[in-house]
Amino acid sequence: MKRTGKKPHIFNSISELHRALALPKPKHPLVSVINFEETKCFDDESLRSVSYNFYCIAIKKNFEGKMKYGQQYYDFDEGVMTFFSPMQVVTTDIVEGLKLSGYWLVVHPDFIRNYTLGKTIKNYGYFSYSVNEALHLSEDEDKAITTIMQNIENEYRSVIDHFSQDVIVSHIELLLNYCNRFYNRQFITRRTASNDLLVKLECLLTDYFNSEQIQESGLPTVQYVSSQLNISADYLSDMLRNLTGQNTQQHIHNHLIEKAKEKLSTTELSVSEIAYELGFEYPQSFSKLFKTKTNLTPLKFRQSIN
């Protein structure tokens, strides 16, 4: 890929996006369903790296190019979904003569701002997943998603009335909930890969707590752990929650408590000294977390062992 050093092109409106894709003016200024078969690929080098000022939900098929999201490249197979929040940068390299198919739902934040979805959409963690964590659909799932997108398109292409926006927002929310279900299914069907990742996580945390890094840098953060595993923080937590019932932060705390128990049981170090060795600036914070996790203060735990 060429690196021009230029800032990504920002699409501020759906109308601007339609023009770039050589499409007619959108029927609605704040929401649109784009059929990939009717679009032309960006052939302007300045549009290879772009950012959209709206939510993008796409189901793609026959994508023979590569897409870069952040620093990750992803090779698309048939029937995958990607989700982008406003102002996230996407870089795409397209193969000439590509016959891309599928649908692309674009929703401006203003369209859902006065609805509950305007606030809850941030709770759908997959908008923070990396492209290489895209949703892979079964044939039936593909049909379900495609049907909802077509229903959205049919609604805003029909006569607009007082209920039109309510109906469209309801369809969008239904679509997002289906995607939530399908992602959880993906965690199950990819359980082998998830278990491998869990083993890597356990080894990473064990090495971290057994090294001097804990004293130098403090407790590992969720962001640090996910970056070491080359996976997005939200995807890692969602995968772990599905696999073990606990998120990444809880796994970090579990390792911390086990290390603390080891030091309380096998050394004469004071609680304050153990707290400092485990990366806590204030011993009180360590004691509070320890009691929350074990129902015992560090001293009570040491006494019970003795």
Protein backbone atom coordinates (compact mmCIF):
# COMPACT_ATOMS: atom_id res chain seq x y z
CA MET A 1 0.00 0.00 0.00
CA LYS A 2 1.20 3.48 -0.80
CA ARG A 3 1.83 5.79 2.12
CA THR A 4 1.15 9.34 1.08
CA GLY A 5 1.38 10.82 4.56
CA LYS A 6 -1.90 12.62 3.94
CA LYS A 7 -4.72 12.78 6.45
CA PRO A 8 -7.72 10.54 5.73
CA HIS A 9 -10.57 12.03 3.75
CA ILE A 10 -13.57 12.68 6.02
CA PHE A 11 -17.08 12.08 4.72
CA ASN A 12 -19.25 14.45 6.76
CA SER A 13 -22.54 13.66 5.06
CA ILE A 14 -24.24 10.68 3.46
CA SER A 15 -24.88 12.78 0.35
CA GLU A 16 -21.12 13.27 -0.07
CA LEU A 17 -20.59 9.52 0.22
CA HIS A 18 -23.24 8.86 -2.44
CA ARG A 19 -21.50 11.25 -4.83
CA ALA A 20 -18.14 9.56 -4.27
CA LEU A 21 -19.70 6.18 -5.03
CA ALA A 22 -21.42 7.55 -8.17
CA LEU A 23 -24.86 6.92 -6.67
CA PRO A 24 -28.04 9.01 -6.94
CA LYS A 25 -28.82 11.48 -4.18
CA PRO A 26 -29.93 9.57 -1.02
CA LYS A 27 -33.64 9.34 -0.33
CA HIS A 28 -33.00 10.33 3.29
CA PRO A 29 -30.19 12.68 4.39
CA LEU A 30 -29.43 10.80 7.63
CA VAL A 31 -29.81 7.11 6.78
CA SER A 32 -29.11 5.04 3.69
CA VAL A 33 -28.78 1.43 2.62
CA ILE A 34 -26.21 1.12 -0.18
CA ASN A 35 -26.16 -1.89 -2.50
CA PHE A 36 -22.50 -2.62 -3.21
CA GLU A 37 -23.37 -3.99 -6.66
CA GLU A 38 -24.52 -0.50 -7.66
CA THR A 39 -21.38 1.30 -6.49
CA LYS A 40 -18.05 2.03 -8.09
CA CYS A 41 -14.93 1.48 -6.00
CA PHE A 42 -12.94 4.50 -4.91
CA ASP A 43 -10.41 5.07 -7.69
CA ASP A 44 -9.08 8.33 -6.29
CA GLU A 45 -5.90 7.75 -4.26
CA SER A 46 -7.05 10.42 -1.79
CA LEU A 47 -10.05 8.21 -0.92
CA ARG A 48 -8.06 5.08 -0.09
CA SER A 49 -7.90 6.22 3.54
CA VAL A 50 -11.21 7.59 4.77
CA SER A 51 -13.21 8.38 7.88
CA TYR A 52 -16.99 8.56 8.10
CA ASN A 53 -18.91 10.93 10.35
CA PHE A 54 -21.63 8.30 10.80
CA TYR A 55 -22.10 4.67 11.82
CA CYS A 56 -21.27 2.11 9.13
CA ILE A 57 -22.62 -1.43 9.20
CA ALA A 58 -21.66 -3.52 6.19
CA ILE A 59 -22.22 -7.07 5.01
CA LYS A 60 -19.74 -7.84 2.24
CA LYS A 61 -19.37 -10.68 -0.22
CA ASN A 62 -16.82 -11.33 -2.98
CA PHE A 63 -14.35 -8.86 -1.47
CA GLU A 64 -11.01 -9.75 -3.05
CA GLY A 65 -9.09 -6.77 -1.76
CA LYS A 66 -7.65 -5.92 1.61
CA MET A 67 -8.99 -3.57 4.20
CA LYS A 68 -6.90 -1.92 6.88
CA TYR A 69 -8.49 -0.79 10.11
CA GLY A 70 -6.05 0.97 12.44
CA GLN A 71 -2.83 -1.03 11.98
CA GLN A 72 -4.45 -4.37 11.09
CA TYR A 73 -5.00 -5.82 7.60
CA TYR A 74 -7.80 -8.26 7.00
CA ASP A 75 -8.46 -10.55 4.01
CA PHE A 76 -12.19 -10.84 3.54
CA ASP A 77 -13.95 -14.06 2.66
CA GLU A 78 -17.60 -14.29 1.65
CA GLY A 79 -20.32 -13.13 4.01
CA VAL A 80 -18.65 -11.03 6.67
CA MET A 81 -19.85 -8.00 8.60
CA THR A 82 -17.86 -4.99 9.79
CA PHE A 83 -18.91 -2.18 12.11
CA PHE A 84 -17.37 1.29 12.23
CA SER A 85 -18.15 4.08 14.66
CA PRO A 86 -18.04 7.72 13.52
CA MET A 87 -14.56 9.10 12.75
CA GLN A 88 -12.71 5.77 12.73
CA VAL A 89 -10.11 5.54 9.96
CA VAL A 90 -10.45 2.82 7.32
CA THR A 91 -7.89 2.17 4.58
CA THR A 92 -8.87 0.00 1.61
CA ASP A 93 -6.89 -1.55 -1.24
CA ILE A 94 -9.19 -2.79 -3.98
CA VAL A 95 -8.50 -5.36 -6.70
CA GLU A 96 -9.38 -3.95 -10.14
CA GLY A 97 -12.44 -5.49 -11.73
CA LEU A 98 -13.85 -6.49 -8.35
CA LYS A 99 -17.54 -7.45 -8.29
CA LEU A 100 -18.37 -6.68 -4.70
CA SER A 101 -21.86 -7.49 -3.43
CA GLY A 102 -23.75 -7.01 -0.20
CA TYR A 103 -25.23 -4.06 1.66
CA TRP A 104 -23.91 -1.08 3.56
CA LEU A 105 -26.09 0.65 6.15
CA VAL A 106 -24.94 4.16 7.06
CA VAL A 107 -26.64 6.01 9.93
CA HIS A 108 -25.85 9.56 11.01
CA PRO A 109 -25.76 9.98 14.82
CA ASP A 110 -28.38 12.73 14.54
CA PHE A 111 -30.89 10.21 13.21
CA ILE A 112 -30.93 8.26 16.48
CA ARG A 113 -29.92 11.05 18.87
CA ASN A 114 -33.38 11.52 20.41
CA TYR A 115 -33.95 7.79 20.81
CA THR A 116 -32.73 5.40 23.49
CA LEU A 117 -30.57 3.79 20.78
CA GLY A 118 -28.63 7.05 20.54
CA LYS A 119 -27.19 6.24 23.98
CA THR A 120 -27.21 2.44 23.98
CA ILE A 121 -25.49 2.04 20.61
CA LYS A 122 -22.21 2.65 22.46
CA ASN A 123 -22.89 -0.53 24.44
CA TYR A 124 -22.54 -2.70 21.34
CA GLY A 125 -18.89 -3.59 21.82
CA TYR A 126 -18.32 -4.83 18.28
CA PHE A 127 -18.11 -1.23 17.05
CA SER A 128 -14.72 -1.26 18.79
CA TYR A 129 -13.58 -4.60 17.37
CA SER A 130 -10.74 -4.67 14.87
CA VAL A 131 -11.44 -5.60 11.27
CA ASN A 132 -9.71 -8.95 11.75
CA GLU A 133 -12.43 -9.68 14.33
CA ALA A 134 -15.21 -9.28 11.76
CA LEU A 135 -18.45 -11.22 12.09
CA HIS A 136 -18.63 -14.29 9.84
CA LEU A 137 -22.20 -15.23 8.97
CA SER A 138 -23.89 -18.52 8.22
CA GLU A 139 -26.26 -18.67 5.24
CA ASP A 140 -29.34 -18.26 7.45
CA GLU A 141 -27.75 -15.39 9.40
CA ASP A 142 -26.83 -13.72 6.12
CA LYS A 143 -30.46 -13.89 5.01
CA ALA A 144 -31.71 -12.45 8.32
CA ILE A 145 -29.35 -9.45 8.15
CA THR A 146 -30.04 -8.82 4.47
CA THR A 147 -33.81 -8.88 5.08
CA ILE A 148 -33.56 -6.27 7.85
CA MET A 149 -31.41 -3.98 5.70
CA GLN A 150 -33.89 -4.29 2.83
CA ASN A 151 -36.75 -3.49 5.23
CA ILE A 152 -34.94 -0.33 6.31
CA GLU A 153 -34.47 0.68 2.69
CA ASN A 154 -38.11 -0.04 1.82
CA GLU A 155 -39.27 2.06 4.77
CA TYR A 156 -37.41 5.26 3.87
CA ARG A 157 -38.22 4.82 0.16
CA SER A 158 -41.95 4.65 0.91
CA VAL A 159 -44.13 7.59 1.90
CA ILE A 160 -42.60 9.31 4.94
CA ASP A 161 -44.99 9.81 7.86
CA HIS A 162 -44.80 10.41 11.62
CA PHE A 163 -43.96 6.76 12.26
CA SER A 164 -41.26 6.28 9.62
CA GLN A 165 -38.30 7.22 11.81
CA ASP A 166 -39.59 5.13 14.73
CA VAL A 167 -39.91 2.09 12.47
CA ILE A 168 -36.44 2.54 10.95
CA VAL A 169 -34.79 2.99 14.36
CA SER A 170 -36.56 -0.17 15.55
CA HIS A 171 -35.17 -2.07 12.56
CA ILE A 172 -31.66 -0.78 13.28
CA GLU A 173 -31.92 -1.86 16.91
CA LEU A 174 -33.16 -5.29 15.82
CA LEU A 175 -30.22 -5.58 13.43
CA LEU A 176 -27.72 -4.74 16.18
CA ASN A 177 -29.30 -7.25 18.57
CA TYR A 178 -29.09 -9.98 15.94
CA CYS A 179 -25.42 -9.14 15.44
CA ASN A 180 -24.90 -9.43 19.19
CA ARG A 181 -26.38 -12.92 19.06
CA PHE A 182 -24.30 -13.91 16.04
CA TYR A 183 -21.08 -12.69 17.63
CA ASN A 184 -21.78 -14.81 20.70
CA ARG A 185 -22.39 -17.77 18.39
CA GLN A 186 -19.04 -17.04 16.74
CA PHE A 187 -17.28 -17.20 20.11
CA ILE A 188 -18.77 -20.68 20.59
CA THR A 189 -18.02 -22.03 17.12
CA ARG A 190 -14.47 -20.74 17.40
CA ARG A 191 -13.99 -22.19 20.85
CA THR A 192 -10.71 -23.89 19.91
CA ALA A 193 -9.18 -20.59 18.85
CA SER A 194 -10.65 -18.94 21.94
CA ASN A 195 -9.12 -21.58 24.21
CA ASP A 196 -5.73 -21.01 22.57
CA LEU A 197 -6.10 -17.31 23.26
CA LEU A 198 -7.07 -18.03 26.88
CA VAL A 199 -3.88 -20.09 27.33
CA LYS A 200 -1.80 -17.25 25.90
CA LEU A 201 -3.52 -14.81 28.26
CA GLU A 202 -2.80 -16.98 31.30
CA CYS A 203 0.87 -17.33 30.31
CA LEU A 204 1.15 -13.60 29.68
CA LEU A 205 -0.27 -12.72 33.11
CA THR A 206 1.79 -15.36 34.90
CA ASP A 207 5.01 -14.06 33.34
CA TYR A 208 4.03 -10.47 34.12
CA PHE A 209 3.31 -11.12 37.81
CA ASN A 210 6.48 -13.21 38.18
CA SER A 211 8.69 -10.48 36.73
CA GLU A 212 9.86 -7.10 37.99
CA GLN A 213 7.52 -5.45 35.51
CA ILE A 214 4.74 -5.43 38.09
CA GLN A 215 6.84 -3.17 40.37
CA GLU A 216 8.04 -0.98 37.52
CA SER A 217 4.78 -0.49 35.65
CA GLY A 218 2.07 -1.44 38.14
CA LEU A 219 -0.89 -3.66 37.36
CA PRO A 220 -1.26 -4.57 33.69
CA THR A 221 -4.13 -2.74 32.04
CA VAL A 222 -6.73 -4.33 29.78
CA GLN A 223 -5.30 -2.29 26.91
CA TYR A 224 -1.78 -3.58 27.58
CA VAL A 225 -2.94 -7.20 27.70
CA SER A 226 -5.02 -6.94 24.52
CA SER A 227 -2.17 -5.25 22.62
CA GLN A 228 0.22 -8.04 23.66
CA LEU A 229 -2.26 -10.57 22.28
CA ASN A 230 -2.85 -8.53 19.07
CA ILE A 231 -6.57 -8.29 19.68
CA SER A 232 -8.90 -5.43 20.51
CA ALA A 233 -9.73 -4.86 24.17
CA ASP A 234 -13.50 -5.17 23.72
CA TYR A 235 -13.27 -8.36 21.65
CA LEU A 236 -10.96 -9.94 24.24
CA SER A 237 -13.28 -9.12 27.14
CA ASP A 238 -16.37 -10.30 25.27
CA MET A 239 -14.65 -13.54 24.24
CA LEU A 240 -13.45 -14.22 27.79
CA ARG A 241 -16.86 -13.44 29.26
CA ASN A 242 -18.43 -15.94 26.88
CA LEU A 243 -15.75 -18.56 27.59
CA THR A 244 -15.20 -18.17 31.33
CA GLY A 245 -17.89 -15.81 32.60
CA GLN A 246 -15.27 -13.19 33.49
CA ASN A 247 -13.88 -10.25 31.54
CA THR A 248 -10.21 -9.33 31.10
CA GLN A 249 -10.07 -7.09 34.18
CA GLN A 250 -11.36 -9.92 36.35
CA HIS A 251 -8.70 -12.28 34.97
CA ILE A 252 -6.03 -9.71 35.83
CA HIS A 253 -7.40 -9.40 39.37
CA ASN A 254 -7.50 -13.19 39.76
CA HIS A 255 -3.77 -13.41 39.01
CA LEU A 256 -3.10 -10.51 41.35
CA ILE A 257 -4.96 -12.17 44.24
CA GLU A 258 -3.18 -15.50 43.69
CA LYS A 259 0.18 -13.74 43.75
CA ALA A 260 -0.82 -11.82 46.86
CA LYS A 261 -1.87 -15.05 48.60
CA GLU A 262 1.48 -16.59 47.70
CA LYS A 263 3.39 -13.69 49.24
CA LEU A 264 1.18 -13.62 52.35
CA SER A 265 1.66 -17.35 52.85
CA THR A 266 5.37 -17.77 52.13
CA THR A 267 7.04 -14.49 53.16
CA GLU A 268 7.33 -12.27 56.21
CA LEU A 269 6.71 -9.14 54.17
CA SER A 270 4.25 -6.66 55.64
CA VAL A 271 0.98 -5.98 53.87
CA SER A 272 2.32 -2.58 52.79
CA GLU A 273 5.47 -4.13 51.34
CA ILE A 274 3.43 -6.72 49.44
CA ALA A 275 1.16 -3.97 48.13
CA TYR A 276 4.13 -2.02 46.78
CA GLU A 277 5.65 -5.15 45.22
CA LEU A 278 2.35 -5.76 43.43
CA GLY A 279 2.34 -2.30 41.93
CA PHE A 280 -0.01 -0.50 44.32
CA GLU A 281 0.84 3.07 45.22
CA TYR A 282 -1.44 2.96 48.26
CA PRO A 283 -1.63 -0.17 50.50
CA GLN A 284 -5.22 0.69 51.35
CA SER A 285 -6.22 0.12 47.72
CA PHE A 286 -4.61 -3.32 47.77
CA SER A 287 -6.30 -4.28 51.05
CA LYS A 288 -9.69 -3.13 49.78
CA LEU A 289 -9.39 -5.13 46.53
CA PHE A 290 -8.12 -8.21 48.40
CA LYS A 291 -11.07 -8.14 50.80
CA THR A 292 -13.52 -7.62 47.93
CA LYS A 293 -12.19 -10.71 46.19
CA THR A 294 -11.67 -13.00 49.20
CA ASN A 295 -13.96 -11.63 51.95
CA LEU A 296 -10.85 -11.45 54.14
CA THR A 297 -8.36 -8.70 54.82
CA PRO A 298 -4.75 -9.59 53.94
CA LEU A 299 -3.92 -9.94 57.67
CA LYS A 300 -6.94 -12.16 58.32
CA PHE A 301 -5.91 -14.34 55.37
CA ARG A 302 -2.35 -14.65 56.72
CA GLN A 303 -3.68 -15.57 60.16
CA SER A 304 -5.95 -18.23 58.69
CA ILE A 305 -2.99 -19.79 56.86
CA ASN A 306 -0.82 -19.77 59.96
